[in-house]
């Protein structure tokens, strides 16, 4: 009997894959962001098949992956907040088993920065 048939006979219910936790870190509070900035973030998330309601958002000026351990994120997108262990921007990094991309604040993203961010996002989300 194959392992797949054993699993199928053990679980009669439908099984669902729970999506990984994505954490957005902003350097300014959500209320300080303009409607246009919120729209930009929403469109970025939609491009990787996420929505604002499917991510956690927090405000920090800087962070380390250890600081975020209680939230158990698997992916972190930081806008304007700096990663203490690296000064690299617009690169997909893996720090302590967590995928991280650090970018400028949303209001400072020009077309070139958005393009670099998109390249990093494609790597992070396997697109």
PDB file of N, CA and C in Angstrom:
ATOM      1  N   UNK A   1       0.860  -1.178   0.000  1.00  0.00           N
ATOM      2  CA  UNK A   1       0.000   0.000   0.000  1.00  0.00           C
ATOM      3  C   UNK A   1       0.900   1.234   0.000  1.00  0.00           C
ATOM      4  N   UNK A   2       0.656   2.143  -0.935  1.00  0.00           N
ATOM      5  CA  UNK A   2       1.504   3.334  -1.023  1.00  0.00           C
ATOM      6  C   UNK A   2       1.172   4.327   0.086  1.00  0.00           C
ATOM      7  N   UNK A   3       2.116   5.219   0.332  1.00  0.00           N
ATOM      8  CA  UNK A   3       1.934   6.213   1.405  1.00  0.00           C
ATOM      9  C   UNK A   3       0.748   7.135   1.089  1.00  0.00           C
ATOM     10  N   UNK A   4       0.554   7.460  -0.167  1.00  0.00           N
ATOM     11  CA  UNK A   4      -0.553   8.327  -0.559  1.00  0.00           C
ATOM     12  C   UNK A   4      -1.893   7.681  -0.247  1.00  0.00           C
ATOM     13  N   UNK A   5      -2.042   6.401  -0.544  1.00  0.00           N
ATOM     14  CA  UNK A   5      -3.317   5.743  -0.265  1.00  0.00           C
ATOM     15  C   UNK A   5      -3.558   5.610   1.231  1.00  0.00           C
ATOM     16  N   UNK A   6      -2.498   5.464   2.026  1.00  0.00           N
ATOM     17  CA  UNK A   6      -2.649   5.414   3.485  1.00  0.00           C
ATOM     18  C   UNK A   6      -3.166   6.752   3.989  1.00  0.00           C
ATOM     19  N   UNK A   7      -2.566   7.832   3.499  1.00  0.00           N
ATOM     20  CA  UNK A   7      -2.998   9.172   3.917  1.00  0.00           C
ATOM     21  C   UNK A   7      -4.439   9.419   3.490  1.00  0.00           C
ATOM     22  N   UNK A   8      -4.781   9.017   2.273  1.00  0.00           N
ATOM     23  CA  UNK A   8      -6.141   9.212   1.795  1.00  0.00           C
ATOM     24  C   UNK A   8      -7.152   8.444   2.633  1.00  0.00           C
ATOM     25  N   UNK A   9      -6.768   7.276   3.122  1.00  0.00           N
ATOM     26  CA  UNK A   9      -7.715   6.506   3.919  1.00  0.00           C
ATOM     27  C   UNK A   9      -7.769   6.993   5.368  1.00  0.00           C
ATOM     28  N   UNK A  10      -6.733   7.656   5.838  1.00  0.00           N
ATOM     29  CA  UNK A  10      -6.732   8.186   7.201  1.00  0.00           C
ATOM     30  C   UNK A  10      -7.570   9.456   7.333  1.00  0.00           C
ATOM     31  N   UNK A  11      -7.534  10.270   6.307  1.00  0.00           N
ATOM     32  CA  UNK A  11      -8.206  11.576   6.366  1.00  0.00           C
ATOM     33  C   UNK A  11      -9.341  11.624   5.346  1.00  0.00           C
ATOM     34  N   UNK A  12     -10.544  11.542   5.832  1.00  0.00           N
ATOM     35  CA  UNK A  12     -11.699  11.581   4.949  1.00  0.00           C
ATOM     36  C   UNK A  12     -12.140  13.014   4.648  1.00  0.00           C
ATOM     37  N   UNK A  13     -11.701  13.971   5.505  1.00  0.00           N
ATOM     38  CA  UNK A  13     -12.087  15.367   5.312  1.00  0.00           C
ATOM     39  C   UNK A  13     -11.225  16.000   4.221  1.00  0.00           C
ATOM     40  N   UNK A  14     -11.724  17.095   3.679  1.00  0.00           N
ATOM     41  CA  UNK A  14     -10.921  17.860   2.734  1.00  0.00           C
ATOM     42  C   UNK A  14      -9.802  18.547   3.502  1.00  0.00           C
ATOM     43  N   UNK A  15      -8.590  18.477   2.955  1.00  0.00           N
ATOM     44  CA  UNK A  15      -7.447  19.136   3.577  1.00  0.00           C
ATOM     45  C   UNK A  15      -7.125  20.395   2.789  1.00  0.00           C
ATOM     46  N   UNK A  16      -6.782  21.434   3.494  1.00  0.00           N
ATOM     47  CA  UNK A  16      -6.469  22.704   2.866  1.00  0.00           C
ATOM     48  C   UNK A  16      -5.086  23.149   3.276  1.00  0.00           C
ATOM     49  N   UNK A  17      -4.391  23.751   2.338  1.00  0.00           N
ATOM     50  CA  UNK A  17      -3.084  24.293   2.664  1.00  0.00           C
ATOM     51  C   UNK A  17      -3.281  25.711   3.195  1.00  0.00           C
ATOM     52  N   UNK A  18      -2.800  25.959   4.393  1.00  0.00           N
ATOM     53  CA  UNK A  18      -2.920  27.279   4.995  1.00  0.00           C
ATOM     54  C   UNK A  18      -1.776  28.136   4.465  1.00  0.00           C
ATOM     55  N   UNK A  19      -2.076  29.304   3.928  1.00  0.00           N
ATOM     56  CA  UNK A  19      -1.012  30.143   3.367  1.00  0.00           C
ATOM     57  C   UNK A  19      -0.048  30.604   4.455  1.00  0.00           C
ATOM     58  N   UNK A  20       1.179  30.841   4.046  1.00  0.00           N
ATOM     59  CA  UNK A  20       2.187  31.283   4.996  1.00  0.00           C
ATOM     60  C   UNK A  20       1.896  32.711   5.452  1.00  0.00           C
ATOM     61  N   UNK A  21       2.453  33.054   6.607  1.00  0.00           N
ATOM     62  CA  UNK A  21       2.226  34.377   7.173  1.00  0.00           C
ATOM     63  C   UNK A  21       3.136  35.400   6.498  1.00  0.00           C
ATOM     64  N   UNK A  22       2.536  36.452   5.983  1.00  0.00           N
ATOM     65  CA  UNK A  22       3.278  37.546   5.371  1.00  0.00           C
ATOM     66  C   UNK A  22       3.108  38.758   6.269  1.00  0.00           C
ATOM     67  N   UNK A  23       4.236  39.375   6.605  1.00  0.00           N
ATOM     68  CA  UNK A  23       4.247  40.536   7.482  1.00  0.00           C
ATOM     69  C   UNK A  23       4.753  41.734   6.697  1.00  0.00           C
ATOM     70  N   UNK A  24       3.994  42.828   6.750  1.00  0.00           N
ATOM     71  CA  UNK A  24       4.397  44.086   6.129  1.00  0.00           C
ATOM     72  C   UNK A  24       4.841  45.012   7.251  1.00  0.00           C
ATOM     73  N   UNK A  25       6.043  45.552   7.123  1.00  0.00           N
ATOM     74  CA  UNK A  25       6.533  46.507   8.115  1.00  0.00           C
ATOM     75  C   UNK A  25       6.625  47.869   7.447  1.00  0.00           C
ATOM     76  N   UNK A  26       5.936  48.838   8.028  1.00  0.00           N
ATOM     77  CA  UNK A  26       5.947  50.213   7.525  1.00  0.00           C
ATOM     78  C   UNK A  26       6.696  51.098   8.505  1.00  0.00           C
ATOM     79  N   UNK A  27       7.402  52.109   7.985  1.00  0.00           N
ATOM     80  CA  UNK A  27       8.137  53.012   8.867  1.00  0.00           C
ATOM     81  C   UNK A  27       7.236  54.097   9.450  1.00  0.00           C
ATOM     82  N   UNK A  28       6.095  54.315   8.816  1.00  0.00           N
ATOM     83  CA  UNK A  28       5.109  55.277   9.330  1.00  0.00           C
ATOM     84  C   UNK A  28       3.816  54.527   9.615  1.00  0.00           C
ATOM     85  N   UNK A  29       3.023  55.056  10.521  1.00  0.00           N
ATOM     86  CA  UNK A  29       1.770  54.377  10.862  1.00  0.00           C
ATOM     87  C   UNK A  29       0.828  54.346   9.654  1.00  0.00           C
ATOM     88  N   UNK A  30      -0.073  53.396   9.672  1.00  0.00           N
ATOM     89  CA  UNK A  30      -1.028  53.221   8.568  1.00  0.00           C
ATOM     90  C   UNK A  30      -1.824  54.499   8.331  1.00  0.00           C
ATOM     91  N   UNK A  31      -2.206  55.179   9.386  1.00  0.00           N
ATOM     92  CA  UNK A  31      -3.009  56.400   9.273  1.00  0.00           C
ATOM     93  C   UNK A  31      -2.244  57.521   8.575  1.00  0.00           C
ATOM     94  N   UNK A  32      -0.915  57.524   8.628  1.00  0.00           N
ATOM     95  CA  UNK A  32      -0.097  58.553   7.990  1.00  0.00           C
ATOM     96  C   UNK A  32       0.060  58.332   6.483  1.00  0.00           C
ATOM     97  N   UNK A  33      -0.284  57.165   5.996  1.00  0.00           N
ATOM     98  CA  UNK A  33      -0.162  56.883   4.568  1.00  0.00           C
ATOM     99  C   UNK A  33      -1.364  57.444   3.814  1.00  0.00           C
ATOM    100  N   UNK A  34      -1.091  58.041   2.663  1.00  0.00           N
ATOM    101  CA  UNK A  34      -2.158  58.599   1.847  1.00  0.00           C
ATOM    102  C   UNK A  34      -2.941  57.473   1.176  1.00  0.00           C
ATOM    103  N   UNK A  35      -4.081  57.813   0.637  1.00  0.00           N
ATOM    104  CA  UNK A  35      -4.898  56.827  -0.077  1.00  0.00           C
ATOM    105  C   UNK A  35      -4.125  56.277  -1.280  1.00  0.00           C
ATOM    106  N   UNK A  36      -3.357  57.139  -1.964  1.00  0.00           N
ATOM    107  CA  UNK A  36      -2.550  56.677  -3.103  1.00  0.00           C
ATOM    108  C   UNK A  36      -1.496  55.662  -2.666  1.00  0.00           C
ATOM    109  N   UNK A  37      -0.849  55.895  -1.532  1.00  0.00           N
ATOM    110  CA  UNK A  37       0.161  54.968  -1.023  1.00  0.00           C
ATOM    111  C   UNK A  37      -0.475  53.634  -0.641  1.00  0.00           C
ATOM    112  N   UNK A  38      -1.641  53.694  -0.055  1.00  0.00           N
ATOM    113  CA  UNK A  38      -2.354  52.464   0.297  1.00  0.00           C
ATOM    114  C   UNK A  38      -2.740  51.685  -0.958  1.00  0.00           C
ATOM    115  N   UNK A  39      -3.119  52.402  -1.997  1.00  0.00           N
ATOM    116  CA  UNK A  39      -3.476  51.773  -3.262  1.00  0.00           C
ATOM    117  C   UNK A  39      -2.262  51.101  -3.888  1.00  0.00           C
ATOM    118  N   UNK A  40      -1.106  51.763  -3.844  1.00  0.00           N
ATOM    119  CA  UNK A  40       0.129  51.182  -4.375  1.00  0.00           C
ATOM    120  C   UNK A  40       0.435  49.871  -3.652  1.00  0.00           C
ATOM    121  N   UNK A  41       0.353  49.880  -2.330  1.00  0.00           N
ATOM    122  CA  UNK A  41       0.612  48.668  -1.560  1.00  0.00           C
ATOM    123  C   UNK A  41      -0.394  47.576  -1.908  1.00  0.00           C
ATOM    124  N   UNK A  42      -1.646  47.937  -2.017  1.00  0.00           N
ATOM    125  CA  UNK A  42      -2.688  46.976  -2.354  1.00  0.00           C
ATOM    126  C   UNK A  42      -2.428  46.340  -3.726  1.00  0.00           C
ATOM    127  N   UNK A  43      -2.013  47.147  -4.694  1.00  0.00           N
ATOM    128  CA  UNK A  43      -1.723  46.628  -6.043  1.00  0.00           C
ATOM    129  C   UNK A  43      -0.500  45.717  -6.034  1.00  0.00           C
ATOM    130  N   UNK A  44       0.519  46.071  -5.232  1.00  0.00           N
ATOM    131  CA  UNK A  44       1.703  45.208  -5.123  1.00  0.00           C
ATOM    132  C   UNK A  44       1.314  43.847  -4.576  1.00  0.00           C
ATOM    133  N   UNK A  45       0.489  43.855  -3.532  1.00  0.00           N
ATOM    134  CA  UNK A  45       0.057  42.599  -2.935  1.00  0.00           C
ATOM    135  C   UNK A  45      -0.799  41.790  -3.904  1.00  0.00           C
ATOM    136  N   UNK A  46      -1.660  42.462  -4.636  1.00  0.00           N
ATOM    137  CA  UNK A  46      -2.514  41.768  -5.610  1.00  0.00           C
ATOM    138  C   UNK A  46      -1.665  41.093  -6.685  1.00  0.00           C
ATOM    139  N   UNK A  47      -0.541  41.713  -7.042  1.00  0.00           N
ATOM    140  CA  UNK A  47       0.331  41.143  -8.068  1.00  0.00           C
ATOM    141  C   UNK A  47       0.941  39.816  -7.618  1.00  0.00           C
ATOM    142  N   UNK A  48       1.056  39.603  -6.305  1.00  0.00           N
ATOM    143  CA  UNK A  48       1.575  38.330  -5.783  1.00  0.00           C
ATOM    144  C   UNK A  48       0.457  37.498  -5.164  1.00  0.00           C
ATOM    145  N   UNK A  49      -0.781  37.819  -5.567  1.00  0.00           N
ATOM    146  CA  UNK A  49      -1.984  37.073  -5.170  1.00  0.00           C
ATOM    147  C   UNK A  49      -2.277  37.139  -3.672  1.00  0.00           C
ATOM    148  N   UNK A  50      -2.070  38.335  -3.100  1.00  0.00           N
ATOM    149  CA  UNK A  50      -2.408  38.601  -1.706  1.00  0.00           C
ATOM    150  C   UNK A  50      -3.302  39.832  -1.637  1.00  0.00           C
ATOM    151  N   UNK A  51      -3.871  40.068  -0.468  1.00  0.00           N
ATOM    152  CA  UNK A  51      -4.671  41.268  -0.250  1.00  0.00           C
ATOM    153  C   UNK A  51      -4.273  41.879   1.084  1.00  0.00           C
ATOM    154  N   UNK A  52      -4.694  43.094   1.322  1.00  0.00           N
ATOM    155  CA  UNK A  52      -4.397  43.740   2.599  1.00  0.00           C
ATOM    156  C   UNK A  52      -4.967  42.947   3.775  1.00  0.00           C
ATOM    157  N   UNK A  53      -6.103  42.311   3.555  1.00  0.00           N
ATOM    158  CA  UNK A  53      -6.723  41.554   4.645  1.00  0.00           C
ATOM    159  C   UNK A  53      -6.013  40.227   4.925  1.00  0.00           C
ATOM    160  N   UNK A  54      -5.119  39.798   4.032  1.00  0.00           N
ATOM    161  CA  UNK A  54      -4.444  38.515   4.229  1.00  0.00           C
ATOM    162  C   UNK A  54      -3.040  38.659   4.817  1.00  0.00           C
ATOM    163  N   UNK A  55      -2.617  39.886   5.115  1.00  0.00           N
ATOM    164  CA  UNK A  55      -1.281  40.114   5.671  1.00  0.00           C
ATOM    165  C   UNK A  55      -1.389  40.811   7.017  1.00  0.00           C
ATOM    166  N   UNK A  56      -0.304  40.720   7.780  1.00  0.00           N
ATOM    167  CA  UNK A  56      -0.210  41.478   9.024  1.00  0.00           C
ATOM    168  C   UNK A  56       0.592  42.742   8.722  1.00  0.00           C
ATOM    169  N   UNK A  57       0.186  43.858   9.309  1.00  0.00           N
ATOM    170  CA  UNK A  57       0.895  45.120   9.101  1.00  0.00           C
ATOM    171  C   UNK A  57       1.308  45.666  10.461  1.00  0.00           C
ATOM    172  N   UNK A  58       2.579  46.074  10.550  1.00  0.00           N
ATOM    173  CA  UNK A  58       3.055  46.691  11.781  1.00  0.00           C
ATOM    174  C   UNK A  58       3.950  47.877  11.435  1.00  0.00           C
ATOM    175  N   UNK A  59       4.164  48.757  12.400  1.00  0.00           N
ATOM    176  CA  UNK A  59       4.985  49.945  12.208  1.00  0.00           C
ATOM    177  C   UNK A  59       6.248  49.824  13.050  1.00  0.00           C
ATOM    178  N   UNK A  60       7.406  49.968  12.393  1.00  0.00           N
ATOM    179  CA  UNK A  60       8.711  49.939  13.070  1.00  0.00           C
ATOM    180  C   UNK A  60       9.686  50.757  12.239  1.00  0.00           C
ATOM    181  N   UNK A  61      10.651  51.382  12.887  1.00  0.00           N
ATOM    182  CA  UNK A  61      11.718  52.097  12.167  1.00  0.00           C
ATOM    183  C   UNK A  61      12.814  51.130  11.726  1.00  0.00           C
ATOM    184  N   UNK A  62      13.104  50.137  12.576  1.00  0.00           N
ATOM    185  CA  UNK A  62      14.059  49.098  12.238  1.00  0.00           C
ATOM    186  C   UNK A  62      13.619  47.798  12.904  1.00  0.00           C
ATOM    187  N   UNK A  63      14.212  46.691  12.466  1.00  0.00           N
ATOM    188  CA  UNK A  63      13.785  45.397  12.995  1.00  0.00           C
ATOM    189  C   UNK A  63      14.877  44.369  12.788  1.00  0.00           C
ATOM    190  N   UNK A  64      14.768  43.287  13.512  1.00  0.00           N
ATOM    191  CA  UNK A  64      15.569  42.088  13.263  1.00  0.00           C
ATOM    192  C   UNK A  64      14.578  40.931  13.183  1.00  0.00           C
ATOM    193  N   UNK A  65      14.990  39.860  12.571  1.00  0.00           N
ATOM    194  CA  UNK A  65      14.113  38.699  12.441  1.00  0.00           C
ATOM    195  C   UNK A  65      13.788  38.143  13.825  1.00  0.00           C
ATOM    196  N   UNK A  66      14.734  38.232  14.757  1.00  0.00           N
ATOM    197  CA  UNK A  66      14.486  37.751  16.123  1.00  0.00           C
ATOM    198  C   UNK A  66      13.353  38.532  16.785  1.00  0.00           C
ATOM    199  N   UNK A  67      13.264  39.858  16.506  1.00  0.00           N
ATOM    200  CA  UNK A  67      12.181  40.674  17.058  1.00  0.00           C
ATOM    201  C   UNK A  67      10.817  40.165  16.611  1.00  0.00           C
ATOM    202  N   UNK A  68      10.776  39.601  15.417  1.00  0.00           N
ATOM    203  CA  UNK A  68       9.508  39.201  14.796  1.00  0.00           C
ATOM    204  C   UNK A  68       9.110  37.761  15.132  1.00  0.00           C
ATOM    205  N   UNK A  69       9.969  37.037  15.819  1.00  0.00           N
ATOM    206  CA  UNK A  69       9.728  35.613  16.100  1.00  0.00           C
ATOM    207  C   UNK A  69       8.349  35.336  16.707  1.00  0.00           C
ATOM    208  N   UNK A  70       7.845  36.154  17.648  1.00  0.00           N
ATOM    209  CA  UNK A  70       6.514  35.858  18.204  1.00  0.00           C
ATOM    210  C   UNK A  70       5.393  35.891  17.159  1.00  0.00           C
ATOM    211  N   UNK A  71       5.599  36.619  16.063  1.00  0.00           N
ATOM    212  CA  UNK A  71       4.582  36.700  15.012  1.00  0.00           C
ATOM    213  C   UNK A  71       4.706  35.551  14.013  1.00  0.00           C
ATOM    214  N   UNK A  72       5.807  34.849  14.035  1.00  0.00           N
ATOM    215  CA  UNK A  72       6.080  33.689  13.174  1.00  0.00           C
ATOM    216  C   UNK A  72       5.850  33.952  11.686  1.00  0.00           C
ATOM    217  N   UNK A  73       6.386  35.053  11.151  1.00  0.00           N
ATOM    218  CA  UNK A  73       6.215  35.277   9.715  1.00  0.00           C
ATOM    219  C   UNK A  73       7.128  34.366   8.905  1.00  0.00           C
ATOM    220  N   UNK A  74       6.710  34.035   7.701  1.00  0.00           N
ATOM    221  CA  UNK A  74       7.583  33.303   6.790  1.00  0.00           C
ATOM    222  C   UNK A  74       8.133  34.251   5.725  1.00  0.00           C
ATOM    223  N   UNK A  75       7.411  35.355   5.517  1.00  0.00           N
ATOM    224  CA  UNK A  75       7.846  36.373   4.557  1.00  0.00           C
ATOM    225  C   UNK A  75       7.644  37.757   5.185  1.00  0.00           C
ATOM    226  N   UNK A  76       8.633  38.643   4.977  1.00  0.00           N
ATOM    227  CA  UNK A  76       8.559  40.001   5.507  1.00  0.00           C
ATOM    228  C   UNK A  76       8.867  40.982   4.377  1.00  0.00           C
ATOM    229  N   UNK A  77       7.984  41.958   4.206  1.00  0.00           N
ATOM    230  CA  UNK A  77       8.207  43.065   3.279  1.00  0.00           C
ATOM    231  C   UNK A  77       8.290  44.328   4.119  1.00  0.00           C
ATOM    232  N   UNK A  78       9.430  45.008   4.062  1.00  0.00           N
ATOM    233  CA  UNK A  78       9.634  46.200   4.872  1.00  0.00           C
ATOM    234  C   UNK A  78       9.720  47.423   3.967  1.00  0.00           C
ATOM    235  N   UNK A  79       8.920  48.427   4.262  1.00  0.00           N
ATOM    236  CA  UNK A  79       8.908  49.668   3.498  1.00  0.00           C
ATOM    237  C   UNK A  79       9.344  50.815   4.400  1.00  0.00           C
ATOM    238  N   UNK A  80      10.586  51.269   4.197  1.00  0.00           N
ATOM    239  CA  UNK A  80      11.106  52.378   4.988  1.00  0.00           C
ATOM    240  C   UNK A  80      11.726  51.951   6.302  1.00  0.00           C
ATOM    241  N   UNK A  81      11.505  50.726   6.720  1.00  0.00           N
ATOM    242  CA  UNK A  81      12.106  50.196   7.945  1.00  0.00           C
ATOM    243  C   UNK A  81      13.383  49.453   7.563  1.00  0.00           C
ATOM    244  N   UNK A  82      14.407  49.575   8.378  1.00  0.00           N
ATOM    245  CA  UNK A  82      15.678  48.933   8.030  1.00  0.00           C
ATOM    246  C   UNK A  82      15.863  47.630   8.801  1.00  0.00           C
ATOM    247  N   UNK A  83      16.476  46.678   8.123  1.00  0.00           N
ATOM    248  CA  UNK A  83      16.832  45.391   8.718  1.00  0.00           C
ATOM    249  C   UNK A  83      18.196  45.568   9.372  1.00  0.00           C
ATOM    250  N   UNK A  84      18.279  45.336  10.666  1.00  0.00           N
ATOM    251  CA  UNK A  84      19.519  45.599  11.407  1.00  0.00           C
ATOM    252  C   UNK A  84      20.710  44.790  10.903  1.00  0.00           C
ATOM    253  N   UNK A  85      20.479  43.594  10.396  1.00  0.00           N
ATOM    254  CA  UNK A  85      21.590  42.727   9.986  1.00  0.00           C
ATOM    255  C   UNK A  85      22.023  42.916   8.537  1.00  0.00           C
ATOM    256  N   UNK A  86      21.374  43.803   7.797  1.00  0.00           N
ATOM    257  CA  UNK A  86      21.719  43.994   6.384  1.00  0.00           C
ATOM    258  C   UNK A  86      21.321  45.396   5.931  1.00  0.00           C
ATOM    259  N   UNK A  87      22.094  45.936   5.001  1.00  0.00           N
ATOM    260  CA  UNK A  87      21.737  47.231   4.431  1.00  0.00           C
ATOM    261  C   UNK A  87      21.318  47.098   2.965  1.00  0.00           C
ATOM    262  N   UNK A  88      21.061  45.866   2.531  1.00  0.00           N
ATOM    263  CA  UNK A  88      20.672  45.621   1.139  1.00  0.00           C
ATOM    264  C   UNK A  88      19.205  45.982   0.923  1.00  0.00           C
ATOM    265  N   UNK A  89      18.967  46.696  -0.166  1.00  0.00           N
ATOM    266  CA  UNK A  89      17.603  47.062  -0.546  1.00  0.00           C
ATOM    267  C   UNK A  89      17.217  46.344  -1.828  1.00  0.00           C
ATOM    268  N   UNK A  90      15.944  46.022  -1.960  1.00  0.00           N
ATOM    269  CA  UNK A  90      15.376  45.434  -3.176  1.00  0.00           C
ATOM    270  C   UNK A  90      16.009  44.098  -3.534  1.00  0.00           C
ATOM    271  N   UNK A  91      16.410  43.333  -2.522  1.00  0.00           N
ATOM    272  CA  UNK A  91      16.945  41.999  -2.741  1.00  0.00           C
ATOM    273  C   UNK A  91      16.181  41.017  -1.875  1.00  0.00           C
ATOM    274  N   UNK A  92      15.929  39.856  -2.442  1.00  0.00           N
ATOM    275  CA  UNK A  92      15.274  38.795  -1.675  1.00  0.00           C
ATOM    276  C   UNK A  92      16.334  38.122  -0.820  1.00  0.00           C
ATOM    277  N   UNK A  93      16.232  38.283   0.494  1.00  0.00           N
ATOM    278  CA  UNK A  93      17.176  37.709   1.451  1.00  0.00           C
ATOM    279  C   UNK A  93      16.479  36.636   2.271  1.00  0.00           C
ATOM    280  N   UNK A  94      17.248  35.682   2.769  1.00  0.00           N
ATOM    281  CA  UNK A  94      16.728  34.728   3.738  1.00  0.00           C
ATOM    282  C   UNK A  94      17.535  34.914   5.013  1.00  0.00           C
ATOM    283  N   UNK A  95      16.853  35.319   6.074  1.00  0.00           N
ATOM    284  CA  UNK A  95      17.499  35.580   7.350  1.00  0.00           C
ATOM    285  C   UNK A  95      16.813  34.718   8.411  1.00  0.00           C
ATOM    286  N   UNK A  96      17.552  33.808   8.990  1.00  0.00           N
ATOM    287  CA  UNK A  96      16.985  32.942  10.014  1.00  0.00           C
ATOM    288  C   UNK A  96      15.778  32.153   9.542  1.00  0.00           C
ATOM    289  N   UNK A  97      15.783  31.729   8.281  1.00  0.00           N
ATOM    290  CA  UNK A  97      14.679  30.963   7.730  1.00  0.00           C
ATOM    291  C   UNK A  97      13.484  31.788   7.282  1.00  0.00           C
ATOM    292  N   UNK A  98      13.597  33.122   7.360  1.00  0.00           N
ATOM    293  CA  UNK A  98      12.509  34.013   6.971  1.00  0.00           C
ATOM    294  C   UNK A  98      12.914  34.770   5.705  1.00  0.00           C
ATOM    295  N   UNK A  99      12.035  34.791   4.707  1.00  0.00           N
ATOM    296  CA  UNK A  99      12.284  35.559   3.488  1.00  0.00           C
ATOM    297  C   UNK A  99      12.016  37.026   3.769  1.00  0.00           C
ATOM    298  N   UNK A 100      12.964  37.882   3.375  1.00  0.00           N
ATOM    299  CA  UNK A 100      12.860  39.308   3.679  1.00  0.00           C
ATOM    300  C   UNK A 100      13.197  40.132   2.444  1.00  0.00           C
ATOM    301  N   UNK A 101      12.408  41.177   2.214  1.00  0.00           N
ATOM    302  CA  UNK A 101      12.731  42.208   1.225  1.00  0.00           C
ATOM    303  C   UNK A 101      12.592  43.543   1.935  1.00  0.00           C
ATOM    304  N   UNK A 102      13.638  44.353   1.839  1.00  0.00           N
ATOM    305  CA  UNK A 102      13.617  45.692   2.420  1.00  0.00           C
ATOM    306  C   UNK A 102      13.610  46.684   1.267  1.00  0.00           C
ATOM    307  N   UNK A 103      12.690  47.649   1.321  1.00  0.00           N
ATOM    308  CA  UNK A 103      12.569  48.663   0.282  1.00  0.00           C
ATOM    309  C   UNK A 103      12.407  50.034   0.931  1.00  0.00           C
ATOM    310  N   UNK A 104      12.494  51.060   0.097  1.00  0.00           N
ATOM    311  CA  UNK A 104      12.236  52.411   0.577  1.00  0.00           C
ATOM    312  C   UNK A 104      10.771  52.541   0.986  1.00  0.00           C
ATOM    313  N   UNK A 105      10.469  53.606   1.713  1.00  0.00           N
ATOM    314  CA  UNK A 105       9.084  53.886   2.083  1.00  0.00           C
ATOM    315  C   UNK A 105       8.239  53.981   0.812  1.00  0.00           C
ATOM    316  N   UNK A 106       6.993  53.625   0.913  1.00  0.00           N
ATOM    317  CA  UNK A 106       6.111  53.580  -0.256  1.00  0.00           C
ATOM    318  C   UNK A 106       6.079  54.918  -0.998  1.00  0.00           C
ATOM    319  N   UNK A 107       6.085  56.028  -0.266  1.00  0.00           N
ATOM    320  CA  UNK A 107       6.030  57.340  -0.919  1.00  0.00           C
ATOM    321  C   UNK A 107       7.327  57.684  -1.648  1.00  0.00           C
ATOM    322  N   UNK A 108       8.410  56.931  -1.435  1.00  0.00           N
ATOM    323  CA  UNK A 108       9.686  57.179  -2.104  1.00  0.00           C
ATOM    324  C   UNK A 108       9.964  56.219  -3.254  1.00  0.00           C
ATOM    325  N   UNK A 109       8.999  55.398  -3.615  1.00  0.00           N
ATOM    326  CA  UNK A 109       9.196  54.430  -4.693  1.00  0.00           C
ATOM    327  C   UNK A 109       8.971  55.096  -6.048  1.00  0.00           C
ATOM    328  N   UNK A 110      10.036  55.184  -6.850  1.00  0.00           N
ATOM    329  CA  UNK A 110       9.893  55.669  -8.218  1.00  0.00           C
ATOM    330  C   UNK A 110       9.806  54.444  -9.134  1.00  0.00           C
ATOM    331  N   UNK A 111       9.749  54.659 -10.434  1.00  0.00           N
ATOM    332  CA  UNK A 111       9.565  53.547 -11.370  1.00  0.00           C
ATOM    333  C   UNK A 111      10.713  52.535 -11.310  1.00  0.00           C
ATOM    334  N   UNK A 112      11.956  53.004 -11.211  1.00  0.00           N
ATOM    335  CA  UNK A 112      13.094  52.093 -11.146  1.00  0.00           C
ATOM    336  C   UNK A 112      13.051  51.268  -9.871  1.00  0.00           C
ATOM    337  N   UNK A 113      12.740  51.896  -8.744  1.00  0.00           N
ATOM    338  CA  UNK A 113      12.663  51.179  -7.468  1.00  0.00           C
ATOM    339  C   UNK A 113      11.524  50.163  -7.490  1.00  0.00           C
ATOM    340  N   UNK A 114      10.401  50.536  -8.113  1.00  0.00           N
ATOM    341  CA  UNK A 114       9.276  49.602  -8.222  1.00  0.00           C
ATOM    342  C   UNK A 114       9.662  48.393  -9.072  1.00  0.00           C
ATOM    343  N   UNK A 115      10.427  48.630 -10.130  1.00  0.00           N
ATOM    344  CA  UNK A 115      10.869  47.531 -10.995  1.00  0.00           C
ATOM    345  C   UNK A 115      11.795  46.593 -10.212  1.00  0.00           C
ATOM    346  N   UNK A 116      12.744  47.157  -9.458  1.00  0.00           N
ATOM    347  CA  UNK A 116      13.652  46.342  -8.646  1.00  0.00           C
ATOM    348  C   UNK A 116      12.881  45.575  -7.569  1.00  0.00           C
ATOM    349  N   UNK A 117      11.888  46.225  -6.978  1.00  0.00           N
ATOM    350  CA  UNK A 117      11.053  45.567  -5.973  1.00  0.00           C
ATOM    351  C   UNK A 117      10.276  44.418  -6.605  1.00  0.00           C
ATOM    352  N   UNK A 118       9.741  44.626  -7.789  1.00  0.00           N
ATOM    353  CA  UNK A 118       8.983  43.580  -8.473  1.00  0.00           C
ATOM    354  C   UNK A 118       9.866  42.365  -8.750  1.00  0.00           C
ATOM    355  N   UNK A 119      11.126  42.591  -9.161  1.00  0.00           N
ATOM    356  CA  UNK A 119      12.045  41.476  -9.417  1.00  0.00           C
ATOM    357  C   UNK A 119      12.269  40.674  -8.120  1.00  0.00           C
ATOM    358  N   UNK A 120      12.438  41.358  -7.001  1.00  0.00           N
ATOM    359  CA  UNK A 120      12.644  40.684  -5.708  1.00  0.00           C
ATOM    360  C   UNK A 120      11.370  39.942  -5.285  1.00  0.00           C
ATOM    361  N   UNK A 121      10.211  40.563  -5.495  1.00  0.00           N
ATOM    362  CA  UNK A 121       8.944  39.928  -5.143  1.00  0.00           C
ATOM    363  C   UNK A 121       8.722  38.649  -5.958  1.00  0.00           C
ATOM    364  N   UNK A 122       9.090  38.679  -7.236  1.00  0.00           N
ATOM    365  CA  UNK A 122       8.943  37.487  -8.073  1.00  0.00           C
ATOM    366  C   UNK A 122       9.785  36.339  -7.518  1.00  0.00           C
ATOM    367  N   UNK A 123      10.975  36.636  -7.045  1.00  0.00           N
ATOM    368  CA  UNK A 123      11.818  35.588  -6.446  1.00  0.00           C
ATOM    369  C   UNK A 123      11.200  35.082  -5.152  1.00  0.00           C
ATOM    370  N   UNK A 124      10.739  36.017  -4.315  1.00  0.00           N
ATOM    371  CA  UNK A 124      10.188  35.636  -3.022  1.00  0.00           C
ATOM    372  C   UNK A 124       8.960  34.741  -3.165  1.00  0.00           C
ATOM    373  N   UNK A 125       8.082  35.088  -4.101  1.00  0.00           N
ATOM    374  CA  UNK A 125       6.811  34.368  -4.242  1.00  0.00           C
ATOM    375  C   UNK A 125       6.830  33.341  -5.373  1.00  0.00           C
ATOM    376  N   UNK A 126       7.999  33.109  -5.974  1.00  0.00           N
ATOM    377  CA  UNK A 126       8.132  32.081  -7.004  1.00  0.00           C
ATOM    378  C   UNK A 126       7.300  32.327  -8.238  1.00  0.00           C
ATOM    379  N   UNK A 127       7.240  33.558  -8.678  1.00  0.00           N
ATOM    380  CA  UNK A 127       6.450  33.907  -9.870  1.00  0.00           C
ATOM    381  C   UNK A 127       7.324  33.974 -11.110  1.00  0.00           C
TER     382      UNK A 127
END
